[in-house]
Amino acid sequence: MRPHRHARAPRRRLLHFLLPVVVALLAVGAVVAGTLTNAAHTCGGELPLRVTVTPAIDQIVQQTADAFERDRASVNGVCIKVTVVSEQAADVVAELPTKPIDPPALWIPDSSLWASTAGQKDSGVPGVTPKVAVHGSLASSPLVVVGGRDEVAKLDWPQSSVSWQRLVDPGVPVDIADPLTNTEGIATLGLAEGMAPAQDGAPPPQLIAALLRLRDSTQQSIDACYQLMAKNPATAPLFTATEQSVIAHNSSSAVPATALYPSEGSVLFDYPVVRVTSGTEVSGTAAAADEFERRLRSDETAKWLSDAGFREPGGRAAWPMQQGVRIDTPNRLPSPTTAQVATVLRAWDVIHLDGRTLAVIDTSGSMNDPMPDGQKRVEVARDGALAGMALMPDSTSVGLWTFSDQWHELVPLGPLGGKSAGASQRQALQQAAASLPSLVGGSTALYDTVLQAYQALRDGFDASKVNSLVLITDGRNEINGGTDLDTMLARLHAEVDATKPVQIIGIGLGPDADIGVLQQLAGATGGKAYQALNGADFRSVLFDALSRRPCVTSNC
């Protein structure tokens, strides 16, 4: 059996659909459209039943379909013809709202997380859209840590236990499958977030450190992780995968893998059957889907699943002891919540998307006023800027301007890993941000500053990065005799160059911020405006804004 076969190359379309993931699933009732017959009867013609499955389980479902068709199951005398399509769950989620004409009638992803994601995504698309309803699990397999014997021995296993916390130690080499297209990657990041949960909408330093470390050790797929281990068994990093994949690998490879079961427990991949309905499905599809699902839940299919290394839905192993895995049921951790997944994937997006960001922060006199939670507005801006910068890799370019009566460049744009005035760019920015409270005073030259900052970003445009201006202010333009709003907007529209896209992200601090003006400034450049009424709001919206910066060129 080839458990890692990918029928289609994974596409990286999912992430920006996934960031606001997962609400309650849409319930869809199956209506029996006709009378089923079995092998004792004859049938003619074909009633098509499309079944899309995760690659790890596709051959078992195909084996079940072959047996099902040999029994000549039918609806109203029409033979049911099952077509099994192997496809990554991420691709199915991306396609369901856009391909309503020929969706699968049944879908078996490796995790219920994908089904709830699809339900949320479908509900937001107008028109005729397939709807999903999650039925029970067919099998399960825990997420484990996988390694060759040499790497596993370095952890003193089995003499000492292994924990998820230990695996985020910089001294332990660990890879991760791309979380944009692999459930193993998403589940791993979700576990990382669970160990260091987000606070006030922003990830804590421990989670940021773990994500930054994994940023440069991402593999395209689980197949790639196993191939690397087989090629370099003594040095290949550990990685996360399902227990079943270890069993399948060991059944066909001369380089055995060992599954480590973290002491805290793990999450189960649950392989649910998902009924997908649409207004375009042919008569009898519901009855055919019900009948085939019954066959999928038969003792015969359960035995094939067990023989392939899958556990029962509750986690019990019905197979005998096998090389590289253990038979006892591991502790079960709750699956990552949708909020955890959304938070960690936004953070993943920030650290992966190389940016060229100019932060422009208001230091007019009113920035000393308190937010509703009591913290000074300038202190909120300072703390948020430091938190946002901590997410960014050294390759990201960041600069810092302030403005009151006029604008001032505190730190010129440059890569965080570079040098500025004898110190590292990151240190220079941290020191400049820390000094913001001492700079407060004066009026607000909002329009003139925005125009100058936008021109600076556009003139130095870098097509390999996402170019953006992050504008943080608590008020409105207060300079008499300067540029007015209409003139400012006209000049800004004239400066916009589709070949050099630069977005303005506006964040209004407190109730006095002119959010309407910020929306107009951001809208003129394809950006977005936010309002933050307290420090927690600000950190959350800054995090959201950074994670949603789109890459609009083919290079970044």
Protein backbone atom coordinates (compact mmCIF):
# COMPACT_ATOMS: atom_id res chain seq x y z
CA MET A 1 0.00 0.00 0.00
CA ARG A 2 1.25 3.51 -0.80
CA PRO A 3 -0.18 5.53 2.10
CA HIS A 4 1.33 8.84 1.15
CA ARG A 5 0.27 8.95 -2.47
CA HIS A 6 -0.85 12.38 -3.58
CA ALA A 7 -3.11 12.38 -6.59
CA ARG A 8 -2.80 16.13 -6.94
CA ALA A 9 -0.06 18.55 -6.10
CA PRO A 10 -1.12 20.56 -3.04
CA ARG A 11 -2.07 24.14 -3.70
CA ARG A 12 -1.25 26.94 -1.31
CA ARG A 13 -4.63 28.62 -1.72
CA LEU A 14 -6.08 27.76 1.63
CA LEU A 15 -4.42 29.97 4.13
CA HIS A 16 -6.14 33.24 3.51
CA PHE A 17 -9.46 31.43 3.42
CA LEU A 18 -8.58 29.67 6.60
CA LEU A 19 -7.63 32.54 8.90
CA PRO A 20 -11.31 33.14 10.25
CA VAL A 21 -12.03 29.39 10.37
CA VAL A 22 -14.61 27.16 11.95
CA VAL A 23 -18.08 27.76 13.36
CA ALA A 24 -20.97 25.33 13.97
CA LEU A 25 -21.52 22.88 11.14
CA LEU A 26 -24.47 23.12 8.81
CA ALA A 27 -26.79 20.20 9.30
CA VAL A 28 -28.00 18.52 6.15
CA GLY A 29 -30.47 15.69 6.24
CA ALA A 30 -30.17 12.83 3.81
CA VAL A 31 -33.39 11.98 1.97
CA VAL A 32 -33.83 8.47 0.69
CA ALA A 33 -34.64 8.87 -2.95
CA GLY A 34 -35.49 5.36 -3.90
CA THR A 35 -35.52 1.71 -2.99
CA LEU A 36 -32.16 -0.07 -2.70
CA THR A 37 -31.58 -3.50 -4.14
CA ASN A 38 -28.70 -5.88 -3.56
CA ALA A 39 -26.86 -8.68 -5.30
CA ALA A 40 -29.99 -10.79 -5.46
CA HIS A 41 -31.38 -8.34 -8.03
CA THR A 42 -30.19 -7.12 -11.36
CA CYS A 43 -29.62 -3.49 -12.19
CA GLY A 44 -28.85 -1.45 -15.26
CA GLY A 45 -27.41 1.94 -16.12
CA GLU A 46 -25.24 3.93 -13.75
CA LEU A 47 -25.97 6.26 -10.85
CA PRO A 48 -22.68 8.11 -10.27
CA LEU A 49 -21.44 8.54 -6.70
CA ARG A 50 -18.31 10.62 -6.31
CA VAL A 51 -16.30 10.02 -3.14
CA THR A 52 -13.26 12.18 -2.31
CA VAL A 53 -10.85 10.84 0.27
CA THR A 54 -7.62 11.84 2.00
CA PRO A 55 -4.66 10.05 0.36
CA ALA A 56 -3.79 7.95 3.42
CA ILE A 57 -7.08 6.08 3.18
CA ASP A 58 -7.82 6.15 -0.54
CA GLN A 59 -6.86 2.56 -1.36
CA ILE A 60 -9.05 1.16 1.40
CA VAL A 61 -12.01 3.19 0.19
CA GLN A 62 -11.32 2.03 -3.37
CA GLN A 63 -11.20 -1.58 -2.15
CA THR A 64 -14.55 -1.02 -0.44
CA ALA A 65 -16.00 0.53 -3.58
CA ASP A 66 -14.88 -2.42 -5.69
CA ALA A 67 -16.62 -4.87 -3.35
CA PHE A 68 -19.69 -2.64 -3.23
CA GLU A 69 -20.01 -2.60 -7.01
CA ARG A 70 -19.52 -6.36 -7.25
CA ASP A 71 -22.60 -6.68 -5.07
CA ARG A 72 -24.44 -4.56 -7.66
CA ALA A 73 -26.03 -2.20 -5.17
CA SER A 74 -28.60 -0.01 -6.86
CA VAL A 75 -31.24 2.66 -6.43
CA ASN A 76 -34.56 2.04 -8.21
CA GLY A 77 -32.87 -0.52 -10.44
CA VAL A 78 -29.98 1.78 -11.42
CA CYS A 79 -26.52 0.48 -10.51
CA ILE A 80 -24.48 2.69 -8.19
CA LYS A 81 -21.13 3.57 -9.78
CA VAL A 82 -18.62 4.78 -7.18
CA THR A 83 -15.71 6.95 -8.27
CA VAL A 84 -13.01 7.39 -5.62
CA VAL A 85 -10.86 10.51 -5.92
CA SER A 86 -7.74 10.96 -3.79
CA GLU A 87 -7.29 14.59 -2.77
CA GLN A 88 -5.80 16.54 0.09
CA ALA A 89 -8.42 17.99 2.41
CA ALA A 90 -7.01 21.50 1.98
CA ASP A 91 -7.71 21.34 -1.75
CA VAL A 92 -11.25 20.08 -1.19
CA VAL A 93 -11.99 22.98 1.16
CA ALA A 94 -10.64 25.44 -1.40
CA GLU A 95 -12.75 23.95 -4.20
CA LEU A 96 -16.15 23.32 -2.63
CA PRO A 97 -17.53 26.87 -2.93
CA THR A 98 -16.06 27.37 -6.41
CA LYS A 99 -17.06 24.06 -8.00
CA PRO A 100 -20.71 23.52 -7.07
CA ILE A 101 -21.53 21.58 -10.25
CA ASP A 102 -19.63 18.37 -9.49
CA PRO A 103 -18.81 18.18 -5.78
CA PRO A 104 -18.27 14.82 -4.07
CA ALA A 105 -21.35 13.29 -2.49
CA LEU A 106 -19.16 11.86 0.26
CA TRP A 107 -15.89 13.23 1.54
CA ILE A 108 -13.48 11.58 3.97
CA PRO A 109 -10.86 14.06 5.23
CA ASP A 110 -8.30 13.07 7.84
CA SER A 111 -9.77 15.45 10.43
CA SER A 112 -13.14 16.93 11.32
CA LEU A 113 -11.38 20.30 11.45
CA TRP A 114 -11.49 20.47 7.65
CA ALA A 115 -15.21 19.74 7.54
CA SER A 116 -16.01 22.57 9.93
CA THR A 117 -13.72 24.83 7.93
CA ALA A 118 -15.59 23.94 4.76
CA GLY A 119 -18.92 24.59 6.45
CA GLN A 120 -17.80 28.05 7.51
CA LYS A 121 -16.37 28.88 4.12
CA ASP A 122 -19.40 27.63 2.21
CA SER A 123 -21.81 29.63 4.35
CA GLY A 124 -20.07 32.83 3.28
CA VAL A 125 -20.39 32.21 -0.45
CA PRO A 126 -23.64 33.38 -2.07
CA GLY A 127 -25.48 31.30 -4.61
CA VAL A 128 -25.67 27.56 -5.10
CA THR A 129 -22.99 26.13 -2.86
CA PRO A 130 -22.41 22.59 -1.59
CA LYS A 131 -23.25 22.13 2.09
CA VAL A 132 -21.56 19.71 4.47
CA ALA A 133 -22.74 17.56 7.37
CA VAL A 134 -20.26 15.56 9.44
CA HIS A 135 -21.15 11.97 10.24
CA GLY A 136 -19.17 9.67 12.51
CA SER A 137 -15.54 8.64 12.32
CA LEU A 138 -14.34 5.60 10.37
CA ALA A 139 -10.99 5.24 12.10
CA SER A 140 -8.37 7.19 14.03
CA SER A 141 -4.64 7.68 14.30
CA PRO A 142 -2.77 9.80 16.84
CA LEU A 143 -0.30 12.50 15.89
CA VAL A 144 3.16 11.31 16.94
CA VAL A 145 6.75 12.51 16.71
CA VAL A 146 8.67 10.50 14.13
CA GLY A 147 12.38 9.94 13.77
CA GLY A 148 15.07 7.52 12.77
CA ARG A 149 16.72 5.43 15.46
CA ASP A 150 19.75 7.71 15.82
CA GLU A 151 17.75 10.91 16.34
CA VAL A 152 15.37 9.17 18.71
CA ALA A 153 18.31 7.83 20.74
CA LYS A 154 19.59 11.39 21.23
CA LEU A 155 16.45 12.08 23.25
CA ASP A 156 17.30 9.17 25.60
CA TRP A 157 14.18 7.38 24.50
CA PRO A 158 12.82 5.00 25.73
CA GLN A 159 14.72 5.56 29.01
CA SER A 160 13.20 9.04 29.37
CA SER A 161 9.86 10.36 28.23
CA VAL A 162 9.38 12.84 25.43
CA SER A 163 7.15 15.90 25.74
CA TRP A 164 5.78 18.48 23.32
CA GLN A 165 7.47 21.14 25.44
CA ARG A 166 10.84 19.48 24.93
CA LEU A 167 10.38 19.43 21.19
CA VAL A 168 10.30 23.21 20.99
CA ASP A 169 13.79 23.30 22.50
CA PRO A 170 16.11 24.92 19.93
CA GLY A 171 18.58 22.09 20.53
CA VAL A 172 16.20 19.47 19.11
CA PRO A 173 16.01 19.45 15.29
CA VAL A 174 12.35 19.26 14.23
CA ASP A 175 10.65 19.66 10.84
CA ILE A 176 6.99 20.36 10.18
CA ALA A 177 4.84 19.64 7.14
CA ASP A 178 3.52 22.82 5.55
CA PRO A 179 0.51 23.78 7.71
CA LEU A 180 -1.20 25.47 4.78
CA THR A 181 -1.77 22.12 3.09
CA ASN A 182 -1.13 19.39 5.67
CA THR A 183 -3.25 18.51 8.67
CA GLU A 184 -0.15 17.30 10.50
CA GLY A 185 1.31 20.80 10.27
CA ILE A 186 -1.88 22.53 11.41
CA ALA A 187 -2.32 20.12 14.33
CA THR A 188 1.30 20.65 15.41
CA LEU A 189 0.93 24.43 15.39
CA GLY A 190 -2.35 24.10 17.25
CA LEU A 191 -0.60 22.08 19.96
CA ALA A 192 2.13 24.72 20.12
CA GLU A 193 -0.50 27.41 20.61
CA GLY A 194 -2.14 25.34 23.33
CA MET A 195 1.15 25.22 25.25
CA ALA A 196 1.58 29.00 24.92
CA PRO A 197 -1.92 30.39 24.32
CA ALA A 198 -2.50 33.77 22.75
CA GLN A 199 -3.09 36.63 25.15
CA ASP A 200 -5.33 39.56 24.24
CA GLY A 201 -5.34 38.43 20.60
CA ALA A 202 -1.56 38.35 20.24
CA PRO A 203 0.79 35.34 20.47
CA PRO A 204 3.15 35.25 23.48
CA PRO A 205 6.95 35.23 23.09
CA GLN A 206 7.19 31.45 23.61
CA LEU A 207 4.86 30.77 20.69
CA ILE A 208 6.58 33.34 18.49
CA ALA A 209 9.94 31.72 19.21
CA ALA A 210 8.60 28.28 18.30
CA LEU A 211 7.02 29.52 15.07
CA LEU A 212 10.13 31.43 14.03
CA ARG A 213 12.17 28.31 14.60
CA LEU A 214 9.82 26.18 12.50
CA ARG A 215 9.69 28.81 9.76
CA ASP A 216 12.91 27.58 8.17
CA SER A 217 12.28 23.86 8.71
CA THR A 218 9.06 23.40 6.78
CA GLN A 219 8.68 20.50 4.36
CA GLN A 220 6.16 20.42 1.54
CA SER A 221 4.56 17.18 2.71
CA ILE A 222 4.86 14.24 5.06
CA ASP A 223 6.23 12.26 2.12
CA ALA A 224 9.14 14.72 1.96
CA CYS A 225 9.84 14.20 5.67
CA TYR A 226 10.00 10.42 5.28
CA GLN A 227 12.16 10.72 2.18
CA LEU A 228 14.62 12.93 4.04
CA MET A 229 14.78 10.45 6.90
CA ALA A 230 15.33 7.52 4.52
CA LYS A 231 18.12 9.42 2.75
CA ASN A 232 19.88 10.64 5.90
CA PRO A 233 18.72 8.41 8.78
CA ALA A 234 21.50 9.53 11.13
CA THR A 235 20.92 13.28 10.77
CA ALA A 236 17.38 13.86 9.49
CA PRO A 237 15.27 15.99 11.86
CA LEU A 238 12.34 14.66 13.80
CA PHE A 239 8.90 15.49 12.41
CA THR A 240 5.23 15.05 13.29
CA ALA A 241 3.04 12.57 11.44
CA THR A 242 0.27 10.07 12.10
CA GLU A 243 1.02 6.77 13.77
CA GLN A 244 -0.51 5.00 10.78
CA SER A 245 2.02 6.61 8.46
CA VAL A 246 4.83 5.11 10.58
CA ILE A 247 3.30 1.65 10.24
CA ALA A 248 2.91 2.08 6.49
CA HIS A 249 6.46 3.40 6.10
CA ASN A 250 7.97 0.56 8.08
CA SER A 251 6.11 -2.02 6.02
CA SER A 252 7.97 -0.98 2.87
CA SER A 253 11.19 0.79 3.86
CA ALA A 254 14.63 -0.53 4.77
CA VAL A 255 15.09 2.50 7.05
CA PRO A 256 12.61 2.05 9.90
CA ALA A 257 10.94 4.96 11.66
CA THR A 258 10.09 5.16 15.34
CA ALA A 259 7.00 6.86 16.72
CA LEU A 260 7.40 8.85 19.94
CA TYR A 261 4.31 9.49 22.05
CA PRO A 262 4.64 12.75 24.01
CA SER A 263 3.86 12.39 27.69
CA GLU A 264 1.14 15.05 27.60
CA GLY A 265 -0.82 12.99 25.06
CA SER A 266 -1.78 13.80 21.49
CA VAL A 267 -4.63 14.63 19.17
CA LEU A 268 -6.43 12.01 17.11
CA PHE A 269 -6.97 12.28 13.38
CA ASP A 270 -10.53 11.00 13.14
CA TYR A 271 -11.32 10.40 9.41
CA PRO A 272 -15.02 11.36 9.47
CA VAL A 273 -17.48 10.65 6.70
CA VAL A 274 -18.84 13.98 5.47
CA ARG A 275 -22.02 14.18 3.42
CA VAL A 276 -21.80 16.92 0.81
CA THR A 277 -25.09 18.04 -0.72
CA SER A 278 -25.87 20.47 -3.49
CA GLY A 279 -28.90 21.52 -5.47
CA THR A 280 -27.43 19.99 -8.61
CA GLU A 281 -27.00 16.40 -7.45
CA VAL A 282 -28.96 13.82 -9.41
CA SER A 283 -31.99 12.02 -8.04
CA GLY A 284 -31.02 8.99 -5.99
CA THR A 285 -27.67 10.38 -4.84
CA ALA A 286 -28.76 10.61 -1.19
CA ALA A 287 -29.85 6.98 -1.11
CA ALA A 288 -26.67 5.86 -2.87
CA ALA A 289 -24.52 7.84 -0.43
CA ASP A 290 -26.34 6.31 2.55
CA GLU A 291 -25.83 2.81 1.19
CA PHE A 292 -22.15 3.27 0.47
CA GLU A 293 -21.58 4.83 3.88
CA ARG A 294 -23.10 1.73 5.46
CA ARG A 295 -20.60 -0.36 3.52
CA LEU A 296 -17.76 1.90 4.70
CA ARG A 297 -18.84 1.15 8.26
CA SER A 298 -18.97 -2.61 7.72
CA ASP A 299 -16.83 -5.10 9.63
CA GLU A 300 -15.01 -5.90 6.41
CA THR A 301 -13.86 -2.31 5.85
CA ALA A 302 -13.01 -1.95 9.55
CA LYS A 303 -10.67 -4.95 9.23
CA TRP A 304 -8.98 -3.46 6.17
CA LEU A 305 -8.46 -0.21 8.05
CA SER A 306 -6.99 -2.06 11.02
CA ASP A 307 -4.70 -4.09 8.77
CA ALA A 308 -3.41 -0.81 7.32
CA GLY A 309 -2.48 0.47 10.78
CA PHE A 310 -5.47 2.63 11.67
CA ARG A 311 -7.00 2.50 15.13
CA GLU A 312 -10.70 2.24 15.91
CA PRO A 313 -12.56 5.58 16.12
CA GLY A 314 -12.13 5.70 19.90
CA GLY A 315 -8.37 5.15 19.71
CA ARG A 316 -8.10 1.42 20.46
CA ALA A 317 -5.66 -0.57 18.34
CA ALA A 318 -7.12 -3.82 17.01
CA TRP A 319 -3.84 -4.78 15.35
CA PRO A 320 -0.99 -6.76 16.97
CA MET A 321 2.25 -5.12 18.10
CA GLN A 322 4.13 -3.65 15.16
CA GLN A 323 7.60 -2.24 14.61
CA GLY A 324 8.12 1.38 15.61
CA VAL A 325 4.79 1.97 17.36
CA ARG A 326 3.11 1.02 20.60
CA ILE A 327 -0.23 -0.70 20.95
CA ASP A 328 -1.64 0.92 24.10
CA THR A 329 -4.02 3.83 23.66
CA PRO A 330 -2.19 7.15 24.10
CA ASN A 331 -3.61 9.95 26.21
CA ARG A 332 -5.95 12.01 24.10
CA LEU A 333 -5.60 15.77 24.05
CA PRO A 334 -8.45 17.99 22.87
CA SER A 335 -8.15 18.86 19.22
CA PRO A 336 -7.04 22.46 18.65
CA THR A 337 -9.99 24.83 18.76
CA THR A 338 -10.89 26.89 15.75
CA ALA A 339 -9.74 30.02 17.54
CA GLN A 340 -6.35 28.42 18.27
CA VAL A 341 -5.94 27.37 14.66
CA ALA A 342 -6.94 30.79 13.36
CA THR A 343 -4.54 32.56 15.73
CA VAL A 344 -1.57 30.37 15.02
CA LEU A 345 -2.09 30.40 11.25
CA ARG A 346 -2.27 34.21 11.26
CA ALA A 347 1.01 34.24 13.15
CA TRP A 348 2.42 31.73 10.67
CA ASP A 349 1.40 34.03 7.84
CA VAL A 350 3.14 37.01 9.45
CA ILE A 351 6.44 35.22 9.96
CA HIS A 352 6.40 33.72 6.47
CA LEU A 353 5.42 36.72 4.41
CA ASP A 354 8.48 38.87 3.86
CA GLY A 355 7.56 42.50 4.30
CA ARG A 356 8.83 46.02 3.87
CA THR A 357 6.91 47.94 6.50
CA LEU A 358 7.12 51.59 7.51
CA ALA A 359 5.50 52.28 10.88
CA VAL A 360 4.28 55.88 11.18
CA ILE A 361 3.22 56.71 14.75
CA ASP A 362 1.43 59.80 16.01
CA THR A 363 3.28 61.61 18.84
CA SER A 364 1.04 64.66 19.08
CA GLY A 365 0.05 65.95 22.53
CA SER A 366 -3.16 63.96 22.76
CA MET A 367 -1.19 60.69 22.65
CA ASN A 368 -0.56 61.25 26.37
CA ASP A 369 -4.30 60.91 27.00
CA PRO A 370 -5.43 57.61 28.51
CA MET A 371 -7.30 54.88 26.67
CA PRO A 372 -10.52 53.69 28.34
CA ASP A 373 -8.47 51.02 30.15
CA GLY A 374 -6.18 53.70 31.67
CA GLN A 375 -3.02 53.10 29.63
CA LYS A 376 -1.66 56.11 27.73
CA ARG A 377 -2.24 55.98 24.00
CA VAL A 378 1.45 56.38 23.21
CA GLU A 379 2.26 53.48 25.54
CA VAL A 380 -0.25 51.30 23.71
CA ALA A 381 1.39 52.23 20.39
CA ARG A 382 4.85 51.51 21.80
CA ASP A 383 3.93 48.12 23.24
CA GLY A 384 2.08 47.08 20.10
CA ALA A 385 4.95 48.09 17.84
CA LEU A 386 7.38 46.03 19.91
CA ALA A 387 5.04 43.01 19.89
CA GLY A 388 4.51 43.21 16.13
CA MET A 389 8.22 43.50 15.43
CA ALA A 390 8.92 40.43 17.56
CA LEU A 391 6.93 38.35 15.06
CA MET A 392 8.96 39.41 12.08
CA PRO A 393 11.99 37.51 10.75
CA ASP A 394 15.35 39.17 10.18
CA SER A 395 14.71 39.36 6.42
CA THR A 396 11.76 41.74 6.92
CA SER A 397 12.54 45.43 6.40
CA VAL A 398 11.08 47.84 8.96
CA GLY A 399 11.42 51.58 9.49
CA LEU A 400 9.94 53.98 12.05
CA TRP A 401 8.66 57.52 11.64
CA THR A 402 6.85 59.73 14.12
CA PHE A 403 4.78 62.84 13.50
CA SER A 404 3.23 65.73 15.34
CA ASP A 405 3.65 69.21 13.82
CA GLN A 406 5.86 67.54 11.22
CA TRP A 407 7.24 64.09 10.52
CA HIS A 408 10.57 62.70 11.74
CA GLU A 409 12.45 59.58 10.63
CA LEU A 410 13.66 57.79 13.76
CA VAL A 411 14.97 54.66 12.05
CA PRO A 412 15.28 54.34 8.24
CA LEU A 413 13.88 51.30 6.48
CA GLY A 414 16.18 48.30 6.62
CA PRO A 415 16.17 44.53 7.24
CA LEU A 416 15.78 43.59 10.88
CA GLY A 417 18.87 41.46 10.64
CA GLY A 418 20.96 44.35 9.27
CA LYS A 419 22.80 47.23 10.91
CA SER A 420 21.65 50.78 11.68
CA ALA A 421 24.00 53.37 13.19
CA GLY A 422 26.34 50.71 14.54
CA ALA A 423 23.63 48.60 16.15
CA SER A 424 21.38 45.93 14.71
CA GLN A 425 18.27 47.25 12.96
CA ARG A 426 16.08 45.34 15.40
CA GLN A 427 17.81 46.88 18.41
CA ALA A 428 17.65 50.36 16.89
CA LEU A 429 13.90 49.99 16.38
CA GLN A 430 13.38 48.64 19.89
CA GLN A 431 15.24 51.60 21.37
CA ALA A 432 13.34 54.07 19.19
CA ALA A 433 9.98 52.53 20.09
CA ALA A 434 10.88 52.68 23.79
CA SER A 435 11.54 56.43 23.42
CA LEU A 436 8.11 57.26 21.98
CA PRO A 437 6.57 58.54 25.28
CA SER A 438 9.36 61.13 25.57
CA LEU A 439 8.55 62.54 22.12
CA VAL A 440 4.88 63.43 22.71
CA GLY A 441 3.83 67.04 22.04
CA GLY A 442 2.41 69.29 19.37
CA SER A 443 -0.40 69.07 16.83
CA THR A 444 -1.21 66.40 14.21
CA ALA A 445 0.15 66.84 10.67
CA LEU A 446 -1.65 63.72 9.50
CA TYR A 447 -2.16 64.39 5.78
CA ASP A 448 1.28 65.75 4.95
CA THR A 449 2.96 62.90 6.83
CA VAL A 450 0.96 60.17 5.15
CA LEU A 451 1.73 61.53 1.70
CA GLN A 452 5.47 61.78 2.41
CA ALA A 453 5.60 58.28 3.91
CA TYR A 454 3.64 56.77 1.03
CA GLN A 455 5.94 58.36 -1.53
CA ALA A 456 9.01 57.07 0.33
CA LEU A 457 7.69 53.52 0.32
CA ARG A 458 6.66 53.65 -3.31
CA ASP A 459 9.96 55.14 -4.48
CA GLY A 460 11.93 52.38 -2.78
CA PHE A 461 9.44 49.66 -3.73
CA ASP A 462 10.72 46.09 -3.39
CA ALA A 463 8.83 43.59 -5.54
CA SER A 464 10.12 40.68 -3.46
CA LYS A 465 8.31 41.92 -0.35
CA VAL A 466 4.89 43.09 0.80
CA ASN A 467 5.17 46.89 0.96
CA SER A 468 2.93 48.53 3.55
CA LEU A 469 2.54 51.69 5.60
CA VAL A 470 1.20 51.10 9.11
CA LEU A 471 -0.32 54.39 10.33
CA ILE A 472 -1.11 54.67 14.07
CA THR A 473 -2.94 57.79 15.27
CA ASP A 474 -5.42 58.88 17.92
CA GLY A 475 -6.91 61.93 16.26
CA ARG A 476 -7.44 63.92 13.11
CA ASN A 477 -5.45 66.35 10.99
CA GLU A 478 -4.92 69.57 13.01
CA ILE A 479 -2.50 71.60 10.89
CA ASN A 480 -3.97 74.82 9.51
CA GLY A 481 -2.79 75.80 6.07
CA GLY A 482 -1.51 72.35 5.22
CA THR A 483 -2.93 69.85 2.77
CA ASP A 484 -6.70 69.36 3.12
CA LEU A 485 -8.45 65.98 2.87
CA ASP A 486 -9.74 66.31 -0.70
CA THR A 487 -6.34 67.43 -1.98
CA MET A 488 -4.65 64.72 0.02
CA LEU A 489 -6.89 61.98 -1.40
CA ALA A 490 -6.48 63.28 -4.95
CA ARG A 491 -2.70 63.30 -4.61
CA LEU A 492 -2.72 59.88 -2.98
CA HIS A 493 -4.79 58.41 -5.82
CA ALA A 494 -2.34 59.95 -8.27
CA GLU A 495 0.60 58.37 -6.43
CA VAL A 496 -0.89 54.85 -6.50
CA ASP A 497 0.91 52.66 -9.02
CA ALA A 498 -0.56 49.23 -9.71
CA THR A 499 2.90 47.96 -10.65
CA LYS A 500 4.25 49.08 -7.27
CA PRO A 501 1.47 48.28 -4.80
CA VAL A 502 1.82 49.89 -1.38
CA GLN A 503 -1.02 49.51 1.11
CA ILE A 504 -1.91 51.83 3.96
CA ILE A 505 -3.05 50.07 7.12
CA GLY A 506 -4.67 52.61 9.42
CA ILE A 507 -5.17 51.99 13.16
CA GLY A 508 -7.13 54.54 15.14
CA LEU A 509 -6.38 54.63 18.88
CA GLY A 510 -9.25 55.49 21.18
CA PRO A 511 -12.68 57.04 20.56
CA ASP A 512 -11.32 60.33 19.14
CA ALA A 513 -9.56 58.81 16.13
CA ASP A 514 -11.09 59.88 12.81
CA ILE A 515 -11.83 56.37 11.59
CA GLY A 516 -13.70 57.73 8.57
CA VAL A 517 -10.58 59.48 7.30
CA LEU A 518 -8.44 56.43 8.01
CA GLN A 519 -10.85 54.32 5.98
CA GLN A 520 -10.55 56.72 3.06
CA LEU A 521 -6.76 56.76 3.22
CA ALA A 522 -6.54 52.98 3.45
CA GLY A 523 -9.21 52.46 0.82
CA ALA A 524 -7.37 54.62 -1.71
CA THR A 525 -4.47 52.15 -1.58
CA GLY A 526 -6.37 48.87 -1.22
CA GLY A 527 -5.62 48.71 2.50
CA LYS A 528 -7.78 48.54 5.59
CA ALA A 529 -8.55 50.67 8.66
CA TYR A 530 -9.14 49.49 12.22
CA GLN A 531 -10.18 51.12 15.48
CA ALA A 532 -8.78 50.04 18.86
CA LEU A 533 -10.45 51.20 22.07
CA ASN A 534 -7.97 49.62 24.48
CA GLY A 535 -4.55 48.03 24.57
CA ALA A 536 -5.84 44.52 23.98
CA ASP A 537 -7.82 45.72 20.95
CA PHE A 538 -4.73 47.37 19.54
CA ARG A 539 -2.53 44.29 19.81
CA SER A 540 -5.26 42.18 18.26
CA VAL A 541 -5.94 44.48 15.30
CA LEU A 542 -2.23 45.05 14.66
CA PHE A 543 -1.70 41.31 14.61
CA ASP A 544 -4.69 40.88 12.29
CA ALA A 545 -3.51 43.65 9.98
CA LEU A 546 -0.01 42.21 9.67
CA SER A 547 -1.33 38.72 8.98
CA ARG A 548 -3.71 39.86 6.25
CA ARG A 549 -1.23 41.80 4.15
CA PRO A 550 -1.66 40.25 0.71
CA CYS A 551 1.22 39.34 -1.55
CA VAL A 552 0.13 40.98 -4.79
CA THR A 553 3.23 40.23 -6.83
CA SER A 554 4.56 36.87 -7.96
CA ASN A 555 7.83 37.31 -6.09
CA CYS A 556 7.01 37.66 -2.39
